[in-house]
Amino acid sequence: MLNTNTYSGFCDLLIDKKYDINKLNFIEKFGFNTIAINTHVEEGSYEPKKKKKKNDPKENKDPIPAPVEIPEDVKNKTKLNILQRVTIEFSDSSISHKFTQSENLRKYDIIAVLPKTLQAFQYACGTLDADLITFEPQTRLPFKVTRKSYRLAVERGLFFELTYSPAIRDSTSRKNIIATAHIYHAVGKSKNIIVTSGADNYTQIRSVHDVCNLGFILGLNSNQSLEVIRNNAHKLILKAQGRRCGKHYMEVTSAVIQSENKIPEL
């Protein structure tokens, strides 16, 4: 179980599992203290591929894959705090059954969902026991985000994600990310937003300074540009801890001024 007092400083809570873990030092040099290795579960990959015959033995296959294992020697070489995250695509409320029957899901620190329909988005905002709502930057939002749904998600402690590395790769994703950011600003004043890289290699990582500057393009003011990679990320980690421990959760720690909260000098 994670200790939230340990996870301070600047955070990048979406590093693709294809990222070379032997090059985590690049992320550390760019000023980040905490990262989350992401396992993406596509819709349909957790469904049975064919109907079982009556006499066939029952398979107890977990619908969610296990987290990526980080070797101890890699952990010892870096000061980064490494979390495990899963992102699950879904289209309707039947996803809740997958949540309850999966043992592997309990091994993840952060649960993110990618709703594919309006029904799925409303269910994620109002009912689903997750931590983060994200979208595919390659396509525009396939439905309208309303103030009511956004406000409900914020009241429940959920966060919304904007990912910048796809914007580096192609112009279509860049337009979609900016458009989504402006929708969040219009319907919810950009509350409970986090910004992540989504990088699958070190060339797609940007420094803390660059990510803060990117915030202005995404409709964020100077304070919000810091919050999306620091304060909001900390709140998300704490929310995820509360989900794992139950509704009533308290952590008492000593008050220490952390130097990691300052923007590193390059």
Protein backbone atom coordinates (compact mmCIF):
# COMPACT_ATOMS: atom_id res chain seq x y z
CA MET A 1 0.00 0.00 0.00
CA LEU A 2 1.38 3.42 -0.92
CA ASN A 3 2.34 6.02 1.67
CA THR A 4 0.95 9.35 0.48
CA ASN A 5 3.55 11.26 2.49
CA THR A 6 6.20 9.81 0.16
CA TYR A 7 4.55 10.94 -3.06
CA SER A 8 5.40 14.63 -3.21
CA GLY A 9 6.78 17.06 -5.73
CA PHE A 10 5.84 17.04 -9.40
CA CYS A 11 4.03 14.08 -10.90
CA ASP A 12 3.61 12.47 -14.30
CA LEU A 13 0.86 9.93 -13.74
CA LEU A 14 0.86 8.42 -17.23
CA ILE A 15 4.00 6.69 -18.48
CA ASP A 16 3.21 3.96 -20.99
CA LYS A 17 4.31 0.45 -20.00
CA LYS A 18 6.29 0.29 -23.27
CA TYR A 19 8.64 2.94 -21.88
CA ASP A 20 12.17 1.64 -21.31
CA ILE A 21 12.40 1.44 -17.52
CA ASN A 22 16.19 1.62 -17.76
CA LYS A 23 15.78 5.26 -18.87
CA LEU A 24 13.67 6.48 -15.96
CA ASN A 25 16.54 8.83 -15.05
CA PHE A 26 15.47 11.13 -17.90
CA ILE A 27 12.12 11.72 -16.17
CA GLU A 28 13.89 12.44 -12.91
CA LYS A 29 16.25 14.94 -14.59
CA PHE A 30 13.26 16.84 -15.96
CA GLY A 31 12.15 17.60 -12.41
CA PHE A 32 9.53 14.93 -11.68
CA ASN A 33 9.36 13.03 -8.40
CA THR A 34 6.47 10.60 -8.93
CA ILE A 35 5.33 8.65 -11.98
CA ALA A 36 2.69 6.04 -12.75
CA ILE A 37 3.34 3.16 -15.16
CA ASN A 38 0.17 2.63 -17.18
CA THR A 39 -1.38 -0.60 -18.42
CA HIS A 40 -4.05 0.09 -21.06
CA VAL A 41 -6.95 -2.36 -21.34
CA GLU A 42 -8.84 -2.06 -24.61
CA GLU A 43 -12.57 -2.65 -24.70
CA GLY A 44 -13.29 -6.24 -25.72
CA SER A 45 -9.93 -7.57 -24.57
CA TYR A 46 -11.53 -8.61 -21.27
CA GLU A 47 -14.55 -10.27 -22.94
CA PRO A 48 -14.74 -14.04 -23.62
CA LYS A 49 -13.81 -14.76 -27.23
CA LYS A 50 -16.29 -17.59 -27.71
CA LYS A 51 -19.15 -19.26 -25.94
CA LYS A 52 -18.27 -22.15 -23.68
CA LYS A 53 -19.90 -25.50 -24.20
CA LYS A 54 -21.90 -26.95 -21.36
CA ASN A 55 -19.31 -29.53 -20.29
CA ASP A 56 -16.23 -27.35 -20.82
CA PRO A 57 -14.22 -26.57 -17.66
CA LYS A 58 -14.78 -23.07 -16.33
CA GLU A 59 -11.96 -20.59 -16.88
CA ASN A 60 -11.09 -18.24 -14.03
CA LYS A 61 -9.17 -15.80 -16.20
CA ASP A 62 -8.83 -12.35 -14.68
CA PRO A 63 -10.29 -9.74 -17.07
CA ILE A 64 -7.60 -7.23 -16.06
CA PRO A 65 -3.89 -8.00 -16.64
CA ALA A 66 -1.44 -7.79 -13.76
CA PRO A 67 0.67 -4.62 -13.32
CA VAL A 68 4.10 -4.30 -14.86
CA GLU A 69 6.78 -5.67 -12.55
CA ILE A 70 9.56 -3.21 -11.78
CA PRO A 71 12.84 -4.99 -10.91
CA GLU A 72 14.38 -4.08 -7.56
CA ASP A 73 17.66 -3.02 -9.16
CA VAL A 74 15.77 -0.46 -11.28
CA LYS A 75 13.98 0.90 -8.19
CA ASN A 76 17.29 1.22 -6.36
CA LYS A 77 18.84 3.25 -9.20
CA THR A 78 16.20 5.99 -9.15
CA LYS A 79 14.71 8.33 -6.57
CA LEU A 80 11.41 8.34 -8.46
CA ASN A 81 8.31 7.12 -6.66
CA ILE A 82 6.75 4.58 -9.02
CA LEU A 83 3.01 3.87 -8.96
CA GLN A 84 0.98 1.38 -10.97
CA ARG A 85 -1.97 2.62 -13.05
CA VAL A 86 -4.54 0.89 -15.23
CA THR A 87 -6.69 2.57 -17.91
CA ILE A 88 -9.83 0.67 -18.90
CA GLU A 89 -11.96 1.40 -21.97
CA PHE A 90 -15.71 0.79 -21.60
CA SER A 91 -19.07 1.60 -23.22
CA ASP A 92 -21.69 0.73 -20.60
CA SER A 93 -22.30 0.01 -16.92
CA SER A 94 -21.45 -3.69 -17.24
CA ILE A 95 -17.86 -2.64 -16.54
CA SER A 96 -18.69 -2.67 -12.82
CA HIS A 97 -18.90 -6.47 -12.96
CA LYS A 98 -15.32 -6.60 -14.27
CA PHE A 99 -14.23 -4.35 -11.41
CA THR A 100 -15.69 -6.61 -8.73
CA GLN A 101 -14.43 -9.91 -10.18
CA SER A 102 -10.86 -8.81 -10.88
CA GLU A 103 -8.13 -9.64 -8.37
CA ASN A 104 -5.48 -7.90 -10.46
CA LEU A 105 -7.37 -4.60 -10.32
CA ARG A 106 -6.67 -4.40 -6.59
CA LYS A 107 -2.94 -4.41 -7.31
CA TYR A 108 -3.09 -1.02 -9.06
CA ASP A 109 -2.64 2.28 -7.25
CA ILE A 110 -4.68 4.34 -9.72
CA ILE A 111 -7.74 3.31 -11.76
CA ALA A 112 -8.47 5.41 -14.85
CA VAL A 113 -11.39 4.85 -17.22
CA LEU A 114 -11.87 5.82 -20.85
CA PRO A 115 -15.61 6.11 -21.58
CA LYS A 116 -16.54 5.49 -25.22
CA THR A 117 -20.19 6.61 -25.07
CA LEU A 118 -22.31 9.23 -23.34
CA GLN A 119 -23.87 6.52 -21.15
CA ALA A 120 -20.40 5.36 -20.09
CA PHE A 121 -19.29 8.93 -19.34
CA GLN A 122 -22.35 9.64 -17.19
CA TYR A 123 -21.84 6.34 -15.35
CA ALA A 124 -18.19 7.17 -14.72
CA CYS A 125 -19.05 10.63 -13.39
CA GLY A 126 -21.90 9.52 -11.16
CA THR A 127 -21.38 5.93 -10.02
CA LEU A 128 -18.21 4.09 -11.03
CA ASP A 129 -15.59 3.62 -8.31
CA ALA A 130 -12.61 4.98 -10.24
CA ASP A 131 -10.08 7.81 -9.79
CA LEU A 132 -9.58 9.38 -13.19
CA ILE A 133 -11.48 9.97 -16.45
CA THR A 134 -9.49 10.21 -19.66
CA PHE A 135 -10.13 10.33 -23.41
CA GLU A 136 -8.43 9.33 -26.64
CA PRO A 137 -6.61 12.35 -28.09
CA GLN A 138 -6.66 10.84 -31.58
CA THR A 139 -10.39 11.55 -31.90
CA ARG A 140 -12.68 14.36 -30.79
CA LEU A 141 -14.99 13.76 -27.83
CA PRO A 142 -17.80 11.57 -29.21
CA PHE A 143 -20.40 13.20 -26.94
CA LYS A 144 -21.19 16.46 -25.17
CA VAL A 145 -19.72 17.05 -21.72
CA THR A 146 -22.33 18.79 -19.58
CA ARG A 147 -21.84 21.01 -16.55
CA LYS A 148 -23.99 18.65 -14.48
CA SER A 149 -21.85 15.56 -15.22
CA TYR A 150 -18.60 17.45 -14.76
CA ARG A 151 -19.71 18.94 -11.45
CA LEU A 152 -20.89 15.53 -10.21
CA ALA A 153 -17.50 13.99 -11.02
CA VAL A 154 -15.66 16.80 -9.20
CA GLU A 155 -17.92 16.42 -6.15
CA ARG A 156 -17.09 12.70 -6.06
CA GLY A 157 -13.37 13.49 -6.17
CA LEU A 158 -12.72 12.29 -9.72
CA PHE A 159 -10.14 13.96 -11.94
CA PHE A 160 -9.95 14.62 -15.69
CA GLU A 161 -6.79 14.04 -17.70
CA LEU A 162 -5.09 15.93 -20.52
CA THR A 163 -2.13 14.18 -22.16
CA TYR A 164 0.46 16.14 -24.13
CA SER A 165 2.74 13.62 -25.90
CA PRO A 166 0.15 12.81 -28.63
CA ALA A 167 0.21 16.54 -29.45
CA ILE A 168 3.92 16.19 -30.18
CA ARG A 169 3.31 13.30 -32.57
CA ASP A 170 0.56 14.72 -34.81
CA SER A 171 -1.47 17.88 -35.41
CA THR A 172 -4.88 16.19 -35.20
CA SER A 173 -4.26 15.04 -31.64
CA ARG A 174 -2.95 18.50 -30.79
CA LYS A 175 -6.20 20.12 -31.96
CA ASN A 176 -8.31 17.56 -30.09
CA ILE A 177 -6.37 18.00 -26.84
CA ILE A 178 -6.69 21.79 -26.96
CA ALA A 179 -10.40 21.51 -27.82
CA THR A 180 -11.00 19.11 -24.91
CA ALA A 181 -9.11 21.40 -22.53
CA HIS A 182 -11.28 24.35 -23.56
CA ILE A 183 -14.43 22.26 -23.04
CA TYR A 184 -13.25 21.47 -19.49
CA HIS A 185 -12.68 25.18 -18.93
CA ALA A 186 -16.11 26.10 -20.29
CA VAL A 187 -18.14 23.54 -18.30
CA GLY A 188 -16.08 23.24 -15.12
CA LYS A 189 -13.55 26.10 -14.96
CA SER A 190 -10.79 23.49 -15.40
CA LYS A 191 -11.35 22.03 -11.92
CA ASN A 192 -9.74 18.68 -11.04
CA ILE A 193 -7.51 18.56 -14.10
CA ILE A 194 -4.19 16.74 -14.28
CA VAL A 195 -1.71 16.93 -17.16
CA THR A 196 0.37 13.88 -18.03
CA SER A 197 2.84 12.96 -20.76
CA GLY A 198 1.56 9.57 -21.92
CA ALA A 199 5.11 9.02 -23.13
CA ASP A 200 6.28 5.66 -24.43
CA ASN A 201 9.89 6.84 -24.87
CA TYR A 202 12.11 9.48 -23.29
CA THR A 203 12.00 11.84 -26.31
CA GLN A 204 8.35 12.61 -25.52
CA ILE A 205 9.03 13.78 -21.95
CA ARG A 206 9.05 17.52 -21.30
CA SER A 207 10.43 19.38 -18.29
CA VAL A 208 8.31 20.79 -15.48
CA HIS A 209 8.88 24.29 -16.91
CA ASP A 210 7.65 23.26 -20.36
CA VAL A 211 4.55 21.54 -18.99
CA CYS A 212 3.67 24.64 -16.95
CA ASN A 213 4.02 26.80 -20.06
CA LEU A 214 1.81 24.35 -21.94
CA GLY A 215 -0.92 25.09 -19.41
CA PHE A 216 -1.56 28.52 -20.94
CA ILE A 217 -2.39 26.89 -24.28
CA LEU A 218 -4.80 24.58 -22.44
CA GLY A 219 -6.72 27.51 -20.93
CA LEU A 220 -5.07 27.33 -17.49
CA ASN A 221 -3.79 30.26 -15.47
CA SER A 222 -0.37 30.26 -13.79
CA ASN A 223 -1.62 28.68 -10.55
CA GLN A 224 -3.60 25.99 -12.36
CA SER A 225 -0.59 25.19 -14.55
CA LEU A 226 1.29 24.19 -11.39
CA GLU A 227 -1.66 22.43 -9.79
CA VAL A 228 -2.19 20.05 -12.73
CA ILE A 229 1.21 18.41 -12.18
CA ARG A 230 1.54 18.88 -8.41
CA ASN A 231 -1.40 19.68 -6.09
CA ASN A 232 -4.10 17.97 -8.16
CA ALA A 233 -1.87 14.96 -8.71
CA HIS A 234 -1.33 14.67 -4.94
CA LYS A 235 -5.10 14.88 -4.36
CA LEU A 236 -5.64 12.16 -6.96
CA ILE A 237 -3.13 9.87 -5.23
CA LEU A 238 -4.81 10.51 -1.88
CA LYS A 239 -8.24 9.84 -3.44
CA ALA A 240 -6.96 6.55 -4.85
CA GLN A 241 -5.63 5.62 -1.41
CA GLY A 242 -9.03 6.33 0.11
CA ARG A 243 -10.76 4.16 -2.50
CA ARG A 244 -8.51 1.23 -1.63
CA CYS A 245 -8.88 1.65 2.13
CA GLY A 246 -12.62 2.40 2.27
CA LYS A 247 -14.82 5.43 2.80
CA HIS A 248 -13.23 6.39 6.13
CA TYR A 249 -9.51 6.95 5.80
CA MET A 250 -7.13 9.15 7.77
CA GLU A 251 -3.40 9.55 7.47
CA VAL A 252 -1.50 11.60 10.07
CA THR A 253 1.97 12.75 9.11
CA SER A 254 4.41 15.38 10.36
CA ALA A 255 4.31 18.73 8.59
CA VAL A 256 7.52 19.08 6.61
CA ILE A 257 8.24 21.71 3.98
CA GLN A 258 9.24 19.73 0.93
CA SER A 259 11.85 21.18 -1.41
CA GLU A 260 10.50 18.94 -4.17
CA ASN A 261 7.49 21.26 -4.51
CA LYS A 262 9.70 23.97 -5.98
CA ILE A 263 10.23 24.14 -9.72
CA PRO A 264 13.72 22.77 -10.31
CA GLU A 265 16.28 25.01 -11.93
CA LEU A 266 17.53 23.80 -15.27
